[in-house]
């Protein structure tokens, strides 16, 4: 599979961490001798399911990645949706047979190749158009106390979105509005639910929607078959958005590096 790795920040993006660290993109923040982009890219290229990684939003001459990594650069500009659609179109032009691609953020430096392999395997026959990873609150807080993650109450428990997904690139190219829906914040997605199913929206707010029903709601709201994958690896959702989260992953990587301790699930 090919990977769309979102390596650059979008126009208007503002983050205190980026400013404090003195970089122009979050993925360039250095942790334990490497940038976050390096940690993530190394995990991806080491996966047995990954054929190639396309780093999106960065030019080769502005990349912190070592030259020996097997990656290509797509210095696309615009919104996150613009970049995903543009990268999907580029991949289809080169590899028209590609039916699914991995989309990954560059600010989850604790992931490993094993976690990427596990996620792909959980997606089974890849018959759905969109596979969305989520992490569960209890296992996440056991692994990362005081992680600062925000969790949505659901019938099955409390969950937060992950930063690893699989999409149908053809659907992305055919319908940019779809990608806009996938990349909007939670409030905008709630509007989509309201548009298709008002009763489901009420149940959502009351915490009475389970993951299986959420899949059906998302499928109806987005117009594509959607599947939710509950990750046994909280690292998939441990993105660095706030200073305490940066401190957390920095301590982990400075102490262990890409240690085997992270190959064991918390649940």
C-alpha atoms as a PDB file:
ATOM      1  CA  UNK A   1       0.000   0.000   0.000  1.00  0.00           C
ATOM      2  CA  UNK A   2       1.017   3.594  -0.525  1.00  0.00           C
ATOM      3  CA  UNK A   3       0.975   6.122   2.287  1.00  0.00           C
ATOM      4  CA  UNK A   4      -0.060   9.763   2.341  1.00  0.00           C
ATOM      5  CA  UNK A   5       2.038  11.208   5.163  1.00  0.00           C
ATOM      6  CA  UNK A   6       0.912  14.701   6.080  1.00  0.00           C
ATOM      7  CA  UNK A   7       4.232  16.387   6.707  1.00  0.00           C
ATOM      8  CA  UNK A   8       3.517  20.114   6.443  1.00  0.00           C
ATOM      9  CA  UNK A   9       1.103  22.395   8.246  1.00  0.00           C
ATOM     10  CA  UNK A  10      -1.814  24.037   6.463  1.00  0.00           C
ATOM     11  CA  UNK A  11      -2.221  27.811   5.803  1.00  0.00           C
ATOM     12  CA  UNK A  12      -3.374  29.695   8.852  1.00  0.00           C
ATOM     13  CA  UNK A  13      -2.226  26.892  11.137  1.00  0.00           C
ATOM     14  CA  UNK A  14      -1.104  28.202  14.487  1.00  0.00           C
ATOM     15  CA  UNK A  15       0.370  26.162  17.292  1.00  0.00           C
ATOM     16  CA  UNK A  16       2.210  27.293  20.398  1.00  0.00           C
ATOM     17  CA  UNK A  17       4.456  24.216  20.263  1.00  0.00           C
ATOM     18  CA  UNK A  18       5.618  25.038  16.731  1.00  0.00           C
ATOM     19  CA  UNK A  19       6.445  28.611  17.727  1.00  0.00           C
ATOM     20  CA  UNK A  20       8.198  27.579  20.922  1.00  0.00           C
ATOM     21  CA  UNK A  21      10.301  24.935  19.164  1.00  0.00           C
ATOM     22  CA  UNK A  22      11.271  27.382  16.401  1.00  0.00           C
ATOM     23  CA  UNK A  23      10.182  25.259  13.445  1.00  0.00           C
ATOM     24  CA  UNK A  24       7.823  25.858  10.530  1.00  0.00           C
ATOM     25  CA  UNK A  25       5.902  22.570  10.804  1.00  0.00           C
ATOM     26  CA  UNK A  26       5.009  20.395  13.762  1.00  0.00           C
ATOM     27  CA  UNK A  27       6.602  17.307  12.200  1.00  0.00           C
ATOM     28  CA  UNK A  28       9.989  19.055  12.336  1.00  0.00           C
ATOM     29  CA  UNK A  29      10.068  19.206  16.134  1.00  0.00           C
ATOM     30  CA  UNK A  30      13.076  17.238  17.357  1.00  0.00           C
ATOM     31  CA  UNK A  31      12.659  14.515  19.968  1.00  0.00           C
ATOM     32  CA  UNK A  32      15.469  12.239  21.150  1.00  0.00           C
ATOM     33  CA  UNK A  33      17.745  13.124  18.250  1.00  0.00           C
ATOM     34  CA  UNK A  34      15.155  12.856  15.468  1.00  0.00           C
ATOM     35  CA  UNK A  35      12.250  14.901  14.204  1.00  0.00           C
ATOM     36  CA  UNK A  36       8.734  13.583  14.743  1.00  0.00           C
ATOM     37  CA  UNK A  37       8.523  13.210  10.969  1.00  0.00           C
ATOM     38  CA  UNK A  38      11.531  10.869  11.053  1.00  0.00           C
ATOM     39  CA  UNK A  39      10.097   8.710  13.824  1.00  0.00           C
ATOM     40  CA  UNK A  40       6.815   8.313  11.949  1.00  0.00           C
ATOM     41  CA  UNK A  41       8.366   7.772   8.524  1.00  0.00           C
ATOM     42  CA  UNK A  42      10.740   5.101   9.829  1.00  0.00           C
ATOM     43  CA  UNK A  43       7.790   3.206  11.325  1.00  0.00           C
ATOM     44  CA  UNK A  44       5.833   3.415   8.083  1.00  0.00           C
ATOM     45  CA  UNK A  45       8.614   2.314   5.721  1.00  0.00           C
ATOM     46  CA  UNK A  46       9.369  -0.621   8.043  1.00  0.00           C
ATOM     47  CA  UNK A  47       5.803  -1.940   7.797  1.00  0.00           C
ATOM     48  CA  UNK A  48       5.434  -5.086   5.717  1.00  0.00           C
ATOM     49  CA  UNK A  49       2.320  -3.619   4.107  1.00  0.00           C
ATOM     50  CA  UNK A  50       3.799  -0.306   2.981  1.00  0.00           C
ATOM     51  CA  UNK A  51       5.201  -0.057  -0.552  1.00  0.00           C
ATOM     52  CA  UNK A  52       5.995   3.649  -0.597  1.00  0.00           C
ATOM     53  CA  UNK A  53       5.518   6.812   1.425  1.00  0.00           C
ATOM     54  CA  UNK A  54       4.519  10.139  -0.135  1.00  0.00           C
ATOM     55  CA  UNK A  55       5.396  13.028   2.157  1.00  0.00           C
ATOM     56  CA  UNK A  56       2.783  15.680   1.473  1.00  0.00           C
ATOM     57  CA  UNK A  57       3.171  19.390   2.118  1.00  0.00           C
ATOM     58  CA  UNK A  58       6.978  19.490   2.166  1.00  0.00           C
ATOM     59  CA  UNK A  59       9.529  19.997  -0.579  1.00  0.00           C
ATOM     60  CA  UNK A  60      12.536  17.701  -0.672  1.00  0.00           C
ATOM     61  CA  UNK A  61      14.967  20.570  -0.038  1.00  0.00           C
ATOM     62  CA  UNK A  62      12.950  21.610   3.022  1.00  0.00           C
ATOM     63  CA  UNK A  63      12.658  18.146   4.535  1.00  0.00           C
ATOM     64  CA  UNK A  64      14.401  16.974   7.711  1.00  0.00           C
ATOM     65  CA  UNK A  65      14.300  13.346   6.552  1.00  0.00           C
ATOM     66  CA  UNK A  66      17.567  11.526   5.771  1.00  0.00           C
ATOM     67  CA  UNK A  67      18.166  11.058   2.051  1.00  0.00           C
ATOM     68  CA  UNK A  68      18.361   7.279   2.406  1.00  0.00           C
ATOM     69  CA  UNK A  69      14.696   6.876   3.344  1.00  0.00           C
ATOM     70  CA  UNK A  70      12.550   5.523   0.458  1.00  0.00           C
ATOM     71  CA  UNK A  71      10.097   8.395   0.197  1.00  0.00           C
ATOM     72  CA  UNK A  72       8.813  10.815  -2.427  1.00  0.00           C
ATOM     73  CA  UNK A  73       7.774  14.418  -1.868  1.00  0.00           C
ATOM     74  CA  UNK A  74       4.560  16.107  -2.934  1.00  0.00           C
ATOM     75  CA  UNK A  75       4.934  19.789  -1.963  1.00  0.00           C
ATOM     76  CA  UNK A  76       1.218  20.416  -2.288  1.00  0.00           C
ATOM     77  CA  UNK A  77      -0.283  23.531  -0.739  1.00  0.00           C
ATOM     78  CA  UNK A  78      -3.737  24.459   0.462  1.00  0.00           C
ATOM     79  CA  UNK A  79      -5.982  22.920   3.071  1.00  0.00           C
ATOM     80  CA  UNK A  80      -5.676  19.447   4.496  1.00  0.00           C
ATOM     81  CA  UNK A  81      -8.441  18.350   2.141  1.00  0.00           C
ATOM     82  CA  UNK A  82      -6.590  19.864  -0.839  1.00  0.00           C
ATOM     83  CA  UNK A  83      -3.469  17.915   0.083  1.00  0.00           C
ATOM     84  CA  UNK A  84      -5.233  14.583   0.537  1.00  0.00           C
ATOM     85  CA  UNK A  85      -7.152  14.961  -2.725  1.00  0.00           C
ATOM     86  CA  UNK A  86      -4.023  16.080  -4.581  1.00  0.00           C
ATOM     87  CA  UNK A  87      -1.963  13.217  -3.190  1.00  0.00           C
ATOM     88  CA  UNK A  88      -4.715  10.695  -3.990  1.00  0.00           C
ATOM     89  CA  UNK A  89      -4.829  11.953  -7.573  1.00  0.00           C
ATOM     90  CA  UNK A  90      -1.038  11.708  -7.883  1.00  0.00           C
ATOM     91  CA  UNK A  91      -1.032   8.133  -6.561  1.00  0.00           C
ATOM     92  CA  UNK A  92      -3.835   7.060  -8.912  1.00  0.00           C
ATOM     93  CA  UNK A  93      -2.010   8.596 -11.887  1.00  0.00           C
ATOM     94  CA  UNK A  94       1.095   6.570 -11.017  1.00  0.00           C
ATOM     95  CA  UNK A  95      -0.638   3.474  -9.708  1.00  0.00           C
ATOM     96  CA  UNK A  96      -4.161   3.270 -11.190  1.00  0.00           C
ATOM     97  CA  UNK A  97      -4.681  -0.127  -9.594  1.00  0.00           C
ATOM     98  CA  UNK A  98      -4.280   1.277  -6.058  1.00  0.00           C
ATOM     99  CA  UNK A  99      -7.654   0.853  -4.340  1.00  0.00           C
ATOM    100  CA  UNK A 100      -6.779   1.884  -0.790  1.00  0.00           C
ATOM    101  CA  UNK A 101      -4.119   4.168   0.702  1.00  0.00           C
ATOM    102  CA  UNK A 102      -2.986   4.801   4.257  1.00  0.00           C
ATOM    103  CA  UNK A 103      -3.270   8.357   5.576  1.00  0.00           C
ATOM    104  CA  UNK A 104      -1.068   9.210   8.543  1.00  0.00           C
ATOM    105  CA  UNK A 105      -0.254  12.326  10.561  1.00  0.00           C
ATOM    106  CA  UNK A 106       3.365  13.294  11.222  1.00  0.00           C
ATOM    107  CA  UNK A 107       2.880  14.055  14.921  1.00  0.00           C
ATOM    108  CA  UNK A 108       2.435  10.538  16.341  1.00  0.00           C
ATOM    109  CA  UNK A 109       6.118   9.674  16.912  1.00  0.00           C
ATOM    110  CA  UNK A 110       5.409   6.731  19.238  1.00  0.00           C
ATOM    111  CA  UNK A 111       4.008   4.474  16.527  1.00  0.00           C
ATOM    112  CA  UNK A 112       5.953   1.460  15.314  1.00  0.00           C
ATOM    113  CA  UNK A 113       5.865  -0.744  12.224  1.00  0.00           C
ATOM    114  CA  UNK A 114       4.098  -3.411  14.272  1.00  0.00           C
ATOM    115  CA  UNK A 115       1.280  -0.988  15.044  1.00  0.00           C
ATOM    116  CA  UNK A 116       0.900  -0.077  11.379  1.00  0.00           C
ATOM    117  CA  UNK A 117       0.842  -3.783  10.436  1.00  0.00           C
ATOM    118  CA  UNK A 118      -1.750  -4.498  13.114  1.00  0.00           C
ATOM    119  CA  UNK A 119      -4.013  -1.687  11.937  1.00  0.00           C
ATOM    120  CA  UNK A 120      -3.911  -2.823   8.300  1.00  0.00           C
ATOM    121  CA  UNK A 121      -4.674  -6.390   9.357  1.00  0.00           C
ATOM    122  CA  UNK A 122      -7.666  -5.248  11.403  1.00  0.00           C
ATOM    123  CA  UNK A 123      -9.121  -3.705   8.248  1.00  0.00           C
ATOM    124  CA  UNK A 124      -9.534  -7.208   6.815  1.00  0.00           C
ATOM    125  CA  UNK A 125     -10.493  -7.390   3.155  1.00  0.00           C
ATOM    126  CA  UNK A 126     -10.480  -3.577   2.805  1.00  0.00           C
ATOM    127  CA  UNK A 127     -13.966  -3.647   1.314  1.00  0.00           C
ATOM    128  CA  UNK A 128     -14.959  -0.410   3.070  1.00  0.00           C
ATOM    129  CA  UNK A 129     -13.996   2.988   1.663  1.00  0.00           C
ATOM    130  CA  UNK A 130     -12.856   4.552   4.914  1.00  0.00           C
ATOM    131  CA  UNK A 131     -11.282   2.935   7.978  1.00  0.00           C
ATOM    132  CA  UNK A 132     -11.052   5.202  10.977  1.00  0.00           C
ATOM    133  CA  UNK A 133      -8.936   4.373  14.042  1.00  0.00           C
ATOM    134  CA  UNK A 134     -10.040   5.204  17.564  1.00  0.00           C
ATOM    135  CA  UNK A 135      -8.432   4.704  20.961  1.00  0.00           C
ATOM    136  CA  UNK A 136     -10.252   3.759  24.163  1.00  0.00           C
ATOM    137  CA  UNK A 137     -10.002   5.901  27.286  1.00  0.00           C
ATOM    138  CA  UNK A 138      -9.224   3.270  29.950  1.00  0.00           C
ATOM    139  CA  UNK A 139      -6.350   1.628  28.070  1.00  0.00           C
ATOM    140  CA  UNK A 140      -5.014   5.005  26.941  1.00  0.00           C
ATOM    141  CA  UNK A 141      -4.943   6.449  30.436  1.00  0.00           C
ATOM    142  CA  UNK A 142      -3.370   3.263  31.750  1.00  0.00           C
ATOM    143  CA  UNK A 143      -0.600   3.601  29.187  1.00  0.00           C
ATOM    144  CA  UNK A 144      -0.366   7.414  29.297  1.00  0.00           C
ATOM    145  CA  UNK A 145      -1.654   8.887  32.582  1.00  0.00           C
ATOM    146  CA  UNK A 146      -2.669  12.536  32.218  1.00  0.00           C
ATOM    147  CA  UNK A 147      -2.333  12.396  28.442  1.00  0.00           C
ATOM    148  CA  UNK A 148      -4.701  15.320  27.923  1.00  0.00           C
ATOM    149  CA  UNK A 149      -6.758  13.462  25.307  1.00  0.00           C
ATOM    150  CA  UNK A 150     -10.439  14.347  24.927  1.00  0.00           C
ATOM    151  CA  UNK A 151     -12.795  11.382  24.733  1.00  0.00           C
ATOM    152  CA  UNK A 152     -16.335  11.102  23.377  1.00  0.00           C
ATOM    153  CA  UNK A 153     -18.839   9.235  25.521  1.00  0.00           C
ATOM    154  CA  UNK A 154     -20.465   6.363  23.652  1.00  0.00           C
ATOM    155  CA  UNK A 155     -22.551   3.345  24.571  1.00  0.00           C
ATOM    156  CA  UNK A 156     -19.455   1.103  24.468  1.00  0.00           C
ATOM    157  CA  UNK A 157     -17.230   3.424  26.481  1.00  0.00           C
ATOM    158  CA  UNK A 158     -15.197   6.581  25.884  1.00  0.00           C
ATOM    159  CA  UNK A 159     -13.231   6.956  22.654  1.00  0.00           C
ATOM    160  CA  UNK A 160     -10.971   9.439  20.872  1.00  0.00           C
ATOM    161  CA  UNK A 161      -9.969   9.543  17.228  1.00  0.00           C
ATOM    162  CA  UNK A 162      -6.667   8.087  16.073  1.00  0.00           C
ATOM    163  CA  UNK A 163      -4.285   9.488  13.490  1.00  0.00           C
ATOM    164  CA  UNK A 164      -4.021   6.489  11.202  1.00  0.00           C
ATOM    165  CA  UNK A 165      -6.666   5.736   8.590  1.00  0.00           C
ATOM    166  CA  UNK A 166      -7.208   4.032   5.250  1.00  0.00           C
ATOM    167  CA  UNK A 167      -9.194   5.636   2.438  1.00  0.00           C
ATOM    168  CA  UNK A 168     -10.343   4.862  -1.068  1.00  0.00           C
ATOM    169  CA  UNK A 169      -8.292   7.330  -3.178  1.00  0.00           C
ATOM    170  CA  UNK A 170     -10.776   7.169  -6.052  1.00  0.00           C
ATOM    171  CA  UNK A 171     -13.564   8.394  -3.762  1.00  0.00           C
ATOM    172  CA  UNK A 172     -11.295  11.218  -2.593  1.00  0.00           C
ATOM    173  CA  UNK A 173     -10.569  12.366  -6.142  1.00  0.00           C
ATOM    174  CA  UNK A 174     -14.186  12.090  -7.241  1.00  0.00           C
ATOM    175  CA  UNK A 175     -15.591  14.034  -4.304  1.00  0.00           C
ATOM    176  CA  UNK A 176     -13.537  16.658  -2.514  1.00  0.00           C
ATOM    177  CA  UNK A 177     -16.549  17.443  -0.331  1.00  0.00           C
ATOM    178  CA  UNK A 178     -16.135  13.980   1.160  1.00  0.00           C
ATOM    179  CA  UNK A 179     -12.584  14.774   2.258  1.00  0.00           C
ATOM    180  CA  UNK A 180     -13.733  18.089   3.662  1.00  0.00           C
ATOM    181  CA  UNK A 181     -16.205  16.168   5.812  1.00  0.00           C
ATOM    182  CA  UNK A 182     -13.512  13.755   6.939  1.00  0.00           C
ATOM    183  CA  UNK A 183     -11.111  16.541   7.899  1.00  0.00           C
ATOM    184  CA  UNK A 184     -13.526  18.904   9.628  1.00  0.00           C
ATOM    185  CA  UNK A 185     -13.772  19.138  13.370  1.00  0.00           C
ATOM    186  CA  UNK A 186     -16.270  17.280  15.507  1.00  0.00           C
ATOM    187  CA  UNK A 187     -18.865  20.075  15.488  1.00  0.00           C
ATOM    188  CA  UNK A 188     -19.062  20.051  11.720  1.00  0.00           C
ATOM    189  CA  UNK A 189     -19.428  16.275  11.714  1.00  0.00           C
ATOM    190  CA  UNK A 190     -22.276  16.639  14.212  1.00  0.00           C
ATOM    191  CA  UNK A 191     -23.964  18.890  11.633  1.00  0.00           C
ATOM    192  CA  UNK A 192     -23.648  16.085   9.106  1.00  0.00           C
ATOM    193  CA  UNK A 193     -25.329  13.675  11.506  1.00  0.00           C
ATOM    194  CA  UNK A 194     -28.097  16.235  12.107  1.00  0.00           C
ATOM    195  CA  UNK A 195     -28.673  16.477   8.374  1.00  0.00           C
ATOM    196  CA  UNK A 196     -29.176  12.730   7.914  1.00  0.00           C
ATOM    197  CA  UNK A 197     -30.606  11.501  11.211  1.00  0.00           C
ATOM    198  CA  UNK A 198     -31.911  13.784  13.965  1.00  0.00           C
ATOM    199  CA  UNK A 199     -32.749  10.904  16.307  1.00  0.00           C
ATOM    200  CA  UNK A 200     -29.216   9.553  15.941  1.00  0.00           C
ATOM    201  CA  UNK A 201     -27.868  12.998  16.848  1.00  0.00           C
ATOM    202  CA  UNK A 202     -29.870  13.038  20.076  1.00  0.00           C
ATOM    203  CA  UNK A 203     -28.656   9.537  20.931  1.00  0.00           C
ATOM    204  CA  UNK A 204     -25.087  10.653  20.168  1.00  0.00           C
ATOM    205  CA  UNK A 205     -25.262  13.505  22.668  1.00  0.00           C
ATOM    206  CA  UNK A 206     -26.806  11.207  25.280  1.00  0.00           C
ATOM    207  CA  UNK A 207     -23.983   8.719  24.853  1.00  0.00           C
ATOM    208  CA  UNK A 208     -26.343   6.018  23.599  1.00  0.00           C
ATOM    209  CA  UNK A 209     -24.672   5.427  20.251  1.00  0.00           C
ATOM    210  CA  UNK A 210     -22.410   2.376  20.103  1.00  0.00           C
ATOM    211  CA  UNK A 211     -19.493   1.934  17.728  1.00  0.00           C
ATOM    212  CA  UNK A 212     -21.490  -0.304  15.381  1.00  0.00           C
ATOM    213  CA  UNK A 213     -24.257   2.270  15.102  1.00  0.00           C
ATOM    214  CA  UNK A 214     -21.649   5.023  14.718  1.00  0.00           C
ATOM    215  CA  UNK A 215     -20.342   3.198  11.642  1.00  0.00           C
ATOM    216  CA  UNK A 216     -23.836   3.230  10.136  1.00  0.00           C
ATOM    217  CA  UNK A 217     -24.313   6.911  10.977  1.00  0.00           C
ATOM    218  CA  UNK A 218     -20.946   7.821   9.445  1.00  0.00           C
ATOM    219  CA  UNK A 219     -21.649   5.730   6.356  1.00  0.00           C
ATOM    220  CA  UNK A 220     -24.940   7.569   5.849  1.00  0.00           C
ATOM    221  CA  UNK A 221     -23.511  11.008   6.644  1.00  0.00           C
ATOM    222  CA  UNK A 222     -20.408  10.635   4.478  1.00  0.00           C
ATOM    223  CA  UNK A 223     -21.962   8.633   1.667  1.00  0.00           C
ATOM    224  CA  UNK A 224     -19.267   5.936   1.741  1.00  0.00           C
ATOM    225  CA  UNK A 225     -18.923   2.677   3.624  1.00  0.00           C
ATOM    226  CA  UNK A 226     -17.132   3.468   6.871  1.00  0.00           C
ATOM    227  CA  UNK A 227     -15.585   1.161   9.468  1.00  0.00           C
ATOM    228  CA  UNK A 228     -14.229   1.977  12.916  1.00  0.00           C
ATOM    229  CA  UNK A 229     -11.129   0.180  14.190  1.00  0.00           C
ATOM    230  CA  UNK A 230     -10.562   0.275  17.951  1.00  0.00           C
ATOM    231  CA  UNK A 231      -6.796   0.283  18.365  1.00  0.00           C
ATOM    232  CA  UNK A 232      -5.206  -1.783  21.112  1.00  0.00           C
ATOM    233  CA  UNK A 233      -2.233   0.569  20.722  1.00  0.00           C
ATOM    234  CA  UNK A 234      -2.959   4.006  22.266  1.00  0.00           C
ATOM    235  CA  UNK A 235       0.152   5.321  20.499  1.00  0.00           C
ATOM    236  CA  UNK A 236      -1.868   5.528  17.272  1.00  0.00           C
ATOM    237  CA  UNK A 237      -3.878   8.343  18.848  1.00  0.00           C
ATOM    238  CA  UNK A 238      -1.113   9.973  20.850  1.00  0.00           C
ATOM    239  CA  UNK A 239      -0.663  13.034  18.650  1.00  0.00           C
ATOM    240  CA  UNK A 240       1.280  16.016  19.924  1.00  0.00           C
ATOM    241  CA  UNK A 241      -1.039  19.004  20.139  1.00  0.00           C
ATOM    242  CA  UNK A 242      -0.160  20.515  23.500  1.00  0.00           C
ATOM    243  CA  UNK A 243       3.063  21.151  25.466  1.00  0.00           C
ATOM    244  CA  UNK A 244       2.300  18.422  28.063  1.00  0.00           C
ATOM    245  CA  UNK A 245       1.856  15.898  25.241  1.00  0.00           C
ATOM    246  CA  UNK A 246       5.172  16.930  23.715  1.00  0.00           C
ATOM    247  CA  UNK A 247       6.817  16.493  27.121  1.00  0.00           C
ATOM    248  CA  UNK A 248       5.193  13.065  27.467  1.00  0.00           C
ATOM    249  CA  UNK A 249       6.398  11.670  24.129  1.00  0.00           C
ATOM    250  CA  UNK A 250       9.792  13.300  24.584  1.00  0.00           C
ATOM    251  CA  UNK A 251      10.292  11.476  27.886  1.00  0.00           C
ATOM    252  CA  UNK A 252       9.167   8.196  26.308  1.00  0.00           C
ATOM    253  CA  UNK A 253      11.533   8.425  23.350  1.00  0.00           C
ATOM    254  CA  UNK A 254      14.482   9.795  25.295  1.00  0.00           C
ATOM    255  CA  UNK A 255      14.168   6.944  27.779  1.00  0.00           C
ATOM    256  CA  UNK A 256      13.350   4.044  25.498  1.00  0.00           C
ATOM    257  CA  UNK A 257      13.823   5.088  21.865  1.00  0.00           C
ATOM    258  CA  UNK A 258      11.902   2.699  19.650  1.00  0.00           C
ATOM    259  CA  UNK A 259      12.021   0.129  22.428  1.00  0.00           C
ATOM    260  CA  UNK A 260      10.282  -3.216  22.477  1.00  0.00           C
ATOM    261  CA  UNK A 261       8.235  -2.037  25.465  1.00  0.00           C
ATOM    262  CA  UNK A 262       5.899  -0.360  22.970  1.00  0.00           C
ATOM    263  CA  UNK A 263       5.215  -3.625  21.165  1.00  0.00           C
ATOM    264  CA  UNK A 264       2.981  -4.874  23.967  1.00  0.00           C
ATOM    265  CA  UNK A 265      -0.654  -3.679  24.001  1.00  0.00           C
ATOM    266  CA  UNK A 266      -2.096  -2.236  27.185  1.00  0.00           C
ATOM    267  CA  UNK A 267      -5.273  -4.272  27.072  1.00  0.00           C
END
